[in-house]
Amino acid sequence: MVRGRLSVSLDEGEKGMLGSITMMFSNGSNSMRTVRCRTAGMLKRHIEITVLVSLLALLLIGQRSYLRHPSALLALVDWETIATLAGIILITTSIRRSRLFGKVAAGVLVRLDSERMLAIALSVLTAGMSTFLTNDISLLVVVPLTLSLQEYVDNDMTKIMVFEAIAANVGSALTPIGNPQNLFLWHRWGLTFGQVVRAMAAPVGLMSFLLLVVMWFSFRNRKLEPKLREMCDFNPRLAVLSLTALAVYVAMSEFRLSLYAFLPLFALFLFVDRDSVRQADWALAGMFILMFVDFHMLAAVHPVSKVLSALGSGGAGEVFFGSVLASQIVSNVPAAILVSQFSHSWRAIAYGVNVGGNGLFIGSLANLIVLKMSGDRRIWRVFHLYSLPYLAVSAALVYFLLL
């Protein structure tokens, strides 16, 4: 048997076709690699969303009725809160683009010359704004300002933003309109504005004093180290428009009209500043939607509701610690709703869910705003380094106010 070599001769056209096919497969392979890289990059940037989607998938396995009625999932979301959040994200993006924060940051640095005083000033500002503008809105304004300060000093702003989150949770606890959980409890028990303020004055005063003490020892009296930086062009027209929009939108959100105001606001910025629409962190709003769905479903899980039911049926101390614990599992707003189904001790619930806003990052949606907007992965570790001890001490101190 003779073995020979098979020789195939290709003309120019066939060679060209073969080259095209080879290039097509090569390009397809490169495209797939590009898609995989981009997907991995997106998941890395938005790891919180990936975790929330994974949790949702697990919860749907146990609560399959939602698969038959997907619209029921949408009913779990507080769309008024989402509309408020989305509108403020868009407006603060526009304010940042106007370079107003940079101008204010430069003015702040002239008046405050130490890292400790800067941290205290920004935290007091956050707490004060949170009292009436809600903790979420105050952070959506102050955090971009803090990030702008980072452009002008070599000092690290990460720790300052951590204390801004804690300050927002503390300051917002004073009034019925300071945060969503107080708003719920205010209406749930038909309380007056003054009743809520009088009840919360003592724990807020105690937590505020503790916060100032912790900050005094956490920050050195180190001089701020300004960088030589040329001020970018300030756009006063865009700044005035954005601030006006912010004032109007906040006022409408106080009357629960954000759902009606968002689309006109979105259309306005599409017309006057389309770049703000493109640059806004819409992923943050998406993360909050997932949190509403996940936490409501998690609260319906039998072991979770059973534990909270047992805690809620005890005395004021048990209700307080049950509310603190629930806030670390499902966030303080769902915790307030859940524990109120098992207990009529509204003061213990209010103390617990407001103290419980600190601790784990999940304790309050305001925490996630800071952690997400900072853009620095290190802040997650730094946040828990301070928030967990603060929760332990503040919970112990506030508990004695109930006795």
Protein backbone atom coordinates (compact mmCIF):
# COMPACT_ATOMS: atom_id res chain seq x y z
CA MET A 1 0.00 0.00 0.00
CA VAL A 2 1.43 3.28 -1.09
CA ARG A 3 0.97 6.24 1.15
CA GLY A 4 1.12 9.63 -0.53
CA ARG A 5 0.60 13.16 0.43
CA LEU A 6 -2.54 14.89 -0.66
CA SER A 7 -1.70 18.22 -2.22
CA VAL A 8 -4.43 20.85 -2.53
CA SER A 9 -3.92 23.93 -4.60
CA LEU A 10 -5.99 27.03 -3.76
CA ASP A 11 -6.61 29.87 -6.15
CA GLU A 12 -6.61 33.50 -5.02
CA GLY A 13 -10.37 33.60 -4.48
CA GLU A 14 -10.35 30.53 -2.28
CA LYS A 15 -7.41 31.92 -0.28
CA GLY A 16 -9.33 35.14 0.25
CA MET A 17 -12.41 33.24 1.39
CA LEU A 18 -10.37 31.12 3.78
CA GLY A 19 -8.75 34.24 5.18
CA SER A 20 -12.15 35.86 5.68
CA ILE A 21 -13.48 32.80 7.51
CA THR A 22 -10.38 32.68 9.72
CA MET A 23 -10.71 36.41 10.48
CA MET A 24 -14.42 35.98 11.21
CA PHE A 25 -13.77 33.26 13.80
CA SER A 26 -10.86 35.28 15.21
CA ASN A 27 -13.03 38.39 15.50
CA GLY A 28 -15.83 36.31 17.01
CA SER A 29 -13.44 34.91 19.59
CA ASN A 30 -12.13 38.39 20.37
CA SER A 31 -15.68 39.70 20.64
CA MET A 32 -16.63 36.95 23.07
CA ARG A 33 -13.55 37.71 25.16
CA THR A 34 -14.45 41.40 25.10
CA VAL A 35 -18.02 40.66 26.21
CA ARG A 36 -16.76 38.42 29.01
CA CYS A 37 -14.27 41.04 30.16
CA ARG A 38 -16.87 43.80 30.09
CA THR A 39 -19.38 41.63 31.95
CA ALA A 40 -16.78 40.72 34.58
CA GLY A 41 -15.83 44.39 34.90
CA MET A 42 -19.46 45.43 35.31
CA LEU A 43 -20.08 42.75 37.96
CA LYS A 44 -16.93 43.82 39.80
CA ARG A 45 -18.03 47.48 39.78
CA HIS A 46 -21.54 46.58 40.90
CA ILE A 47 -20.87 43.61 43.16
CA GLU A 48 -23.70 44.70 45.47
CA ILE A 49 -26.22 44.32 42.64
CA THR A 50 -24.79 40.89 41.82
CA VAL A 51 -25.25 39.81 45.46
CA LEU A 52 -28.80 41.18 45.58
CA VAL A 53 -29.77 39.44 42.32
CA SER A 54 -28.31 36.18 43.65
CA LEU A 55 -30.27 36.58 46.90
CA LEU A 56 -33.44 37.28 44.91
CA ALA A 57 -32.94 34.07 42.91
CA LEU A 58 -32.60 32.05 46.14
CA LEU A 59 -35.69 33.68 47.68
CA LEU A 60 -37.75 32.98 44.56
CA ILE A 61 -37.00 29.26 44.94
CA GLY A 62 -38.79 29.30 48.29
CA GLN A 63 -41.51 31.78 47.30
CA ARG A 64 -42.55 30.56 43.87
CA SER A 65 -45.88 32.37 43.88
CA TYR A 66 -43.96 35.45 42.75
CA LEU A 67 -42.90 33.56 39.62
CA ARG A 68 -46.56 33.06 38.72
CA HIS A 69 -47.39 36.68 39.50
CA PRO A 70 -44.29 38.81 38.71
CA SER A 71 -46.28 42.01 39.20
CA ALA A 72 -46.40 41.18 42.92
CA LEU A 73 -42.64 41.77 43.04
CA LEU A 74 -43.13 45.32 41.81
CA ALA A 75 -45.67 45.90 44.59
CA LEU A 76 -42.90 45.28 47.15
CA VAL A 77 -41.03 48.41 45.99
CA ASP A 78 -41.67 51.83 47.50
CA TRP A 79 -41.69 53.62 44.15
CA GLU A 80 -42.09 57.02 45.79
CA THR A 81 -38.74 56.53 47.54
CA ILE A 82 -37.15 55.28 44.32
CA ALA A 83 -38.44 58.31 42.39
CA THR A 84 -37.08 60.63 45.09
CA LEU A 85 -33.70 58.90 45.02
CA ALA A 86 -33.48 58.89 41.21
CA GLY A 87 -34.37 62.57 40.98
CA ILE A 88 -31.80 63.60 43.60
CA ILE A 89 -29.12 61.48 41.89
CA LEU A 90 -29.80 63.29 38.63
CA ILE A 91 -29.81 66.75 40.22
CA THR A 92 -26.63 66.23 42.25
CA THR A 93 -24.90 64.90 39.14
CA SER A 94 -25.79 68.18 37.42
CA ILE A 95 -24.58 70.19 40.43
CA ARG A 96 -21.28 68.32 40.30
CA ARG A 97 -20.96 69.04 36.59
CA SER A 98 -21.53 72.74 37.25
CA ARG A 99 -18.38 72.68 39.47
CA LEU A 100 -20.34 74.30 42.30
CA PHE A 101 -19.06 71.67 44.73
CA GLY A 102 -15.51 72.52 43.74
CA LYS A 103 -16.11 76.20 44.38
CA VAL A 104 -17.71 75.50 47.77
CA ALA A 105 -14.91 73.05 48.62
CA ALA A 106 -12.29 75.73 48.01
CA GLY A 107 -14.21 78.09 50.31
CA VAL A 108 -14.46 75.45 53.03
CA LEU A 109 -10.72 74.83 52.98
CA VAL A 110 -10.03 78.53 53.57
CA ARG A 111 -12.02 78.45 56.84
CA LEU A 112 -11.10 75.02 58.20
CA ASP A 113 -7.43 74.23 58.59
CA SER A 114 -7.45 70.83 60.34
CA GLU A 115 -8.68 67.38 59.37
CA ARG A 116 -10.53 66.98 62.69
CA MET A 117 -12.48 70.22 62.32
CA LEU A 118 -13.31 69.44 58.69
CA ALA A 119 -14.69 66.02 59.67
CA ILE A 120 -16.77 67.46 62.52
CA ALA A 121 -18.08 70.33 60.38
CA LEU A 122 -19.19 68.04 57.55
CA SER A 123 -20.76 65.55 59.95
CA VAL A 124 -22.67 68.28 61.82
CA LEU A 125 -23.85 69.65 58.47
CA THR A 126 -25.02 66.17 57.45
CA ALA A 127 -26.85 65.57 60.74
CA GLY A 128 -28.54 68.97 60.59
CA MET A 129 -29.71 68.50 57.02
CA SER A 130 -30.92 64.97 57.79
CA THR A 131 -33.28 66.29 60.44
CA PHE A 132 -35.59 67.78 57.81
CA LEU A 133 -34.30 66.70 54.38
CA THR A 134 -34.06 62.96 55.29
CA ASN A 135 -30.79 61.08 55.67
CA ASP A 136 -30.73 59.88 52.04
CA ILE A 137 -31.12 63.35 50.53
CA SER A 138 -28.59 64.98 52.86
CA LEU A 139 -25.96 62.39 51.94
CA LEU A 140 -26.68 62.76 48.23
CA VAL A 141 -25.75 66.43 48.68
CA VAL A 142 -22.87 66.23 51.19
CA VAL A 143 -21.01 63.20 49.78
CA PRO A 144 -20.41 64.81 46.35
CA LEU A 145 -19.16 67.90 48.20
CA THR A 146 -16.76 65.71 50.18
CA LEU A 147 -15.54 64.00 47.02
CA SER A 148 -14.88 67.44 45.55
CA LEU A 149 -12.80 68.31 48.60
CA GLN A 150 -10.63 65.28 47.85
CA GLU A 151 -9.60 67.00 44.62
CA TYR A 152 -8.04 69.88 46.58
CA VAL A 153 -6.34 68.16 49.52
CA ASP A 154 -4.02 65.18 49.93
CA ASN A 155 -5.84 64.10 53.10
CA ASP A 156 -7.92 60.94 52.67
CA MET A 157 -11.67 61.70 52.78
CA THR A 158 -12.72 58.05 53.15
CA LYS A 159 -13.01 58.09 56.94
CA ILE A 160 -14.84 61.42 56.86
CA MET A 161 -17.50 59.93 54.57
CA VAL A 162 -17.93 57.03 57.00
CA PHE A 163 -18.77 59.44 59.81
CA GLU A 164 -21.09 61.37 57.51
CA ALA A 165 -23.11 58.17 57.10
CA ILE A 166 -23.29 57.68 60.87
CA ALA A 167 -24.19 61.36 61.38
CA ALA A 168 -27.00 61.09 58.82
CA ASN A 169 -28.50 58.15 60.71
CA VAL A 170 -28.21 59.97 64.03
CA GLY A 171 -29.56 63.35 62.91
CA SER A 172 -32.47 61.89 60.94
CA ALA A 173 -33.75 60.07 64.03
CA LEU A 174 -34.96 63.28 65.68
CA THR A 175 -38.02 64.11 63.56
CA PRO A 176 -40.85 62.16 61.88
CA ILE A 177 -39.69 63.30 58.43
CA GLY A 178 -35.98 62.64 58.99
CA ASN A 179 -36.08 59.08 57.68
CA PRO A 180 -38.59 56.58 56.24
CA GLN A 181 -38.85 54.44 59.40
CA ASN A 182 -39.84 57.44 61.53
CA LEU A 183 -42.34 58.51 58.88
CA PHE A 184 -43.91 55.05 58.98
CA LEU A 185 -44.08 54.91 62.79
CA TRP A 186 -45.46 58.47 62.91
CA HIS A 187 -48.43 57.53 60.73
CA ARG A 188 -48.77 53.98 62.09
CA TRP A 189 -49.55 55.19 65.62
CA GLY A 190 -51.14 58.55 64.74
CA LEU A 191 -48.56 60.53 66.72
CA THR A 192 -48.09 64.28 66.60
CA PHE A 193 -44.87 65.83 65.30
CA GLY A 194 -44.02 67.06 68.80
CA GLN A 195 -44.54 63.63 70.38
CA VAL A 196 -41.97 62.06 68.08
CA VAL A 197 -39.42 64.85 68.65
CA ARG A 198 -39.83 64.71 72.44
CA ALA A 199 -39.46 60.91 72.45
CA MET A 200 -36.38 60.93 70.24
CA ALA A 201 -34.61 63.96 71.75
CA ALA A 202 -32.86 61.99 74.51
CA PRO A 203 -31.47 59.11 72.39
CA VAL A 204 -30.45 61.49 69.58
CA GLY A 205 -28.68 63.77 72.07
CA LEU A 206 -26.89 60.78 73.58
CA MET A 207 -25.86 59.36 70.18
CA SER A 208 -24.74 62.80 68.97
CA PHE A 209 -22.51 63.30 72.01
CA LEU A 210 -21.05 59.82 71.54
CA LEU A 211 -20.42 60.54 67.87
CA LEU A 212 -18.55 63.77 68.63
CA VAL A 213 -16.40 62.00 71.23
CA VAL A 214 -15.55 59.19 68.81
CA MET A 215 -14.72 61.68 66.06
CA TRP A 216 -12.52 63.76 68.35
CA PHE A 217 -10.33 60.76 69.05
CA SER A 218 -10.58 59.24 65.55
CA PHE A 219 -9.16 62.29 63.75
CA ARG A 220 -5.89 63.97 64.52
CA ASN A 221 -5.56 67.72 64.65
CA ARG A 222 -3.53 67.37 61.47
CA LYS A 223 -3.29 70.26 59.07
CA LEU A 224 -5.06 69.96 55.76
CA GLU A 225 -2.63 69.57 52.91
CA PRO A 226 -3.97 71.51 49.93
CA LYS A 227 -2.93 70.61 46.40
CA LEU A 228 -2.04 73.19 43.82
CA ARG A 229 -4.94 72.83 41.44
CA GLU A 230 -6.37 75.11 38.82
CA MET A 231 -10.06 75.75 39.31
CA CYS A 232 -12.08 74.36 36.41
CA ASP A 233 -14.66 76.57 34.78
CA PHE A 234 -17.61 77.18 37.07
CA ASN A 235 -20.99 77.12 35.31
CA PRO A 236 -23.24 79.44 37.37
CA ARG A 237 -26.21 78.99 35.05
CA LEU A 238 -26.24 75.21 35.46
CA ALA A 239 -25.61 75.58 39.21
CA VAL A 240 -28.63 77.90 39.68
CA LEU A 241 -30.84 75.63 37.60
CA SER A 242 -29.74 72.55 39.56
CA LEU A 243 -30.18 74.18 42.98
CA THR A 244 -33.64 75.43 42.01
CA ALA A 245 -34.56 71.95 40.81
CA LEU A 246 -33.22 70.49 44.07
CA ALA A 247 -35.31 72.83 46.24
CA VAL A 248 -38.48 72.16 44.24
CA TYR A 249 -37.91 68.42 44.11
CA VAL A 250 -37.20 68.11 47.84
CA ALA A 251 -40.36 70.09 48.61
CA MET A 252 -42.41 67.82 46.36
CA SER A 253 -40.87 64.71 47.90
CA GLU A 254 -41.95 65.91 51.35
CA PHE A 255 -45.54 65.83 50.04
CA ARG A 256 -44.93 62.40 48.45
CA LEU A 257 -45.21 63.77 44.91
CA SER A 258 -41.88 62.52 43.53
CA LEU A 259 -43.57 60.04 41.19
CA TYR A 260 -45.32 62.89 39.44
CA ALA A 261 -42.24 65.14 39.44
CA PHE A 262 -39.60 62.73 38.16
CA LEU A 263 -40.59 62.50 34.49
CA PRO A 264 -40.79 66.31 34.03
CA LEU A 265 -37.41 66.60 35.80
CA PHE A 266 -35.90 63.93 33.56
CA ALA A 267 -37.27 65.67 30.46
CA LEU A 268 -35.86 69.02 31.65
CA PHE A 269 -32.33 67.65 31.98
CA LEU A 270 -32.59 65.80 28.68
CA PHE A 271 -33.16 69.21 27.15
CA VAL A 272 -30.71 71.41 29.11
CA ASP A 273 -27.94 69.04 30.27
CA ARG A 274 -28.02 65.63 28.60
CA ASP A 275 -24.57 64.74 29.95
CA SER A 276 -25.98 64.69 33.49
CA VAL A 277 -28.53 62.09 32.39
CA ARG A 278 -25.74 59.96 30.91
CA GLN A 279 -23.39 60.32 33.89
CA ALA A 280 -25.95 59.83 36.69
CA ASP A 281 -25.45 56.69 38.78
CA TRP A 282 -28.66 54.90 37.79
CA ALA A 283 -27.18 51.65 39.12
CA LEU A 284 -27.67 53.06 42.63
CA ALA A 285 -31.42 53.39 42.02
CA GLY A 286 -31.47 49.85 40.61
CA MET A 287 -29.73 48.57 43.73
CA PHE A 288 -32.38 50.16 45.95
CA ILE A 289 -35.17 48.53 43.92
CA LEU A 290 -33.55 45.14 44.47
CA MET A 291 -33.15 45.86 48.18
CA PHE A 292 -36.84 46.63 48.61
CA VAL A 293 -37.77 43.37 46.89
CA ASP A 294 -35.16 41.23 48.66
CA PHE A 295 -35.77 42.57 52.15
CA HIS A 296 -39.56 42.28 51.96
CA MET A 297 -39.22 38.70 50.75
CA LEU A 298 -36.61 37.92 53.39
CA ALA A 299 -38.92 39.27 56.09
CA ALA A 300 -41.54 36.71 54.99
CA VAL A 301 -39.15 33.78 55.46
CA HIS A 302 -40.57 31.71 58.33
CA PRO A 303 -37.43 31.46 60.55
CA VAL A 304 -36.85 35.22 60.29
CA SER A 305 -40.46 36.18 61.09
CA LYS A 306 -40.59 33.57 63.87
CA VAL A 307 -37.51 34.99 65.62
CA LEU A 308 -38.77 38.56 65.32
CA SER A 309 -42.21 37.55 66.52
CA ALA A 310 -40.69 36.03 69.66
CA LEU A 311 -38.59 39.15 70.27
CA GLY A 312 -41.50 41.49 69.61
CA SER A 313 -43.78 39.77 72.12
CA GLY A 314 -41.45 40.58 75.04
CA GLY A 315 -40.97 43.76 77.04
CA ALA A 316 -39.57 47.09 75.85
CA GLY A 317 -35.97 45.86 76.13
CA GLU A 318 -36.65 42.79 74.01
CA VAL A 319 -38.49 44.88 71.42
CA PHE A 320 -35.59 47.34 71.32
CA PHE A 321 -32.92 44.70 70.77
CA GLY A 322 -35.19 42.83 68.39
CA SER A 323 -35.49 46.00 66.31
CA VAL A 324 -31.72 46.51 66.37
CA LEU A 325 -31.18 42.91 65.28
CA ALA A 326 -33.83 43.09 62.56
CA SER A 327 -32.18 46.21 61.17
CA GLN A 328 -28.95 44.27 60.72
CA ILE A 329 -30.81 41.61 58.73
CA VAL A 330 -33.36 43.43 56.58
CA SER A 331 -32.43 47.14 57.04
CA ASN A 332 -34.17 49.49 59.46
CA VAL A 333 -37.15 50.51 57.31
CA PRO A 334 -38.43 46.95 56.67
CA ALA A 335 -37.51 46.15 60.30
CA ALA A 336 -39.82 48.92 61.55
CA ILE A 337 -42.66 47.58 59.41
CA LEU A 338 -42.02 43.99 60.48
CA VAL A 339 -41.60 44.48 64.24
CA SER A 340 -44.64 46.79 64.41
CA GLN A 341 -46.75 43.77 63.41
CA PHE A 342 -45.76 42.00 66.64
CA SER A 343 -45.45 44.84 69.17
CA HIS A 344 -47.27 48.05 70.14
CA SER A 345 -44.24 49.56 71.93
CA TRP A 346 -43.61 52.24 69.30
CA ARG A 347 -40.96 54.03 71.36
CA ALA A 348 -38.88 50.86 71.76
CA ILE A 349 -39.23 50.16 68.02
CA ALA A 350 -38.26 53.73 67.12
CA TYR A 351 -35.20 53.59 69.38
CA GLY A 352 -34.18 50.19 68.02
CA VAL A 353 -34.50 50.85 64.29
CA ASN A 354 -32.78 54.23 64.54
CA VAL A 355 -29.89 52.88 66.59
CA GLY A 356 -29.81 49.85 64.26
CA GLY A 357 -29.23 52.07 61.24
CA ASN A 358 -25.56 51.86 62.17
CA GLY A 359 -23.63 48.62 62.48
CA LEU A 360 -23.64 46.50 59.34
CA PHE A 361 -23.85 48.34 56.02
CA ILE A 362 -27.30 46.87 55.47
CA GLY A 363 -28.64 48.59 58.61
CA SER A 364 -29.68 51.66 56.65
CA LEU A 365 -30.11 52.48 52.98
CA ALA A 366 -28.23 55.71 53.73
CA ASN A 367 -25.11 53.66 54.46
CA LEU A 368 -25.22 52.15 51.00
CA ILE A 369 -25.46 55.59 49.40
CA VAL A 370 -22.14 56.59 50.95
CA LEU A 371 -20.42 53.26 50.28
CA LYS A 372 -21.59 53.21 46.67
CA MET A 373 -20.92 56.87 45.85
CA SER A 374 -17.43 56.87 47.31
CA GLY A 375 -16.13 54.65 44.52
CA ASP A 376 -13.48 53.27 46.89
CA ARG A 377 -13.61 49.60 47.84
CA ARG A 378 -11.60 50.28 51.02
CA ILE A 379 -14.48 52.22 52.53
CA TRP A 380 -16.44 49.02 53.20
CA ARG A 381 -13.77 47.85 55.66
CA VAL A 382 -13.29 51.30 57.20
CA PHE A 383 -17.05 51.74 57.61
CA HIS A 384 -17.47 48.55 59.64
CA LEU A 385 -14.33 49.29 61.64
CA TYR A 386 -16.14 52.32 63.13
CA SER A 387 -19.85 51.58 62.72
CA LEU A 388 -19.90 48.22 64.54
CA PRO A 389 -18.26 49.48 67.77
CA TYR A 390 -20.44 52.62 67.56
CA LEU A 391 -23.55 50.41 67.32
CA ALA A 392 -22.49 48.33 70.33
CA VAL A 393 -21.86 51.32 72.59
CA SER A 394 -24.84 53.42 71.43
CA ALA A 395 -27.22 50.45 71.78
CA ALA A 396 -26.07 49.84 75.34
CA LEU A 397 -26.46 53.51 76.29
CA VAL A 398 -29.86 54.01 74.61
CA TYR A 399 -31.17 50.80 76.19
CA PHE A 400 -30.91 52.38 79.63
CA LEU A 401 -33.19 55.23 78.50
CA LEU A 402 -35.98 52.65 78.15
CA LEU A 403 -35.61 51.37 81.72
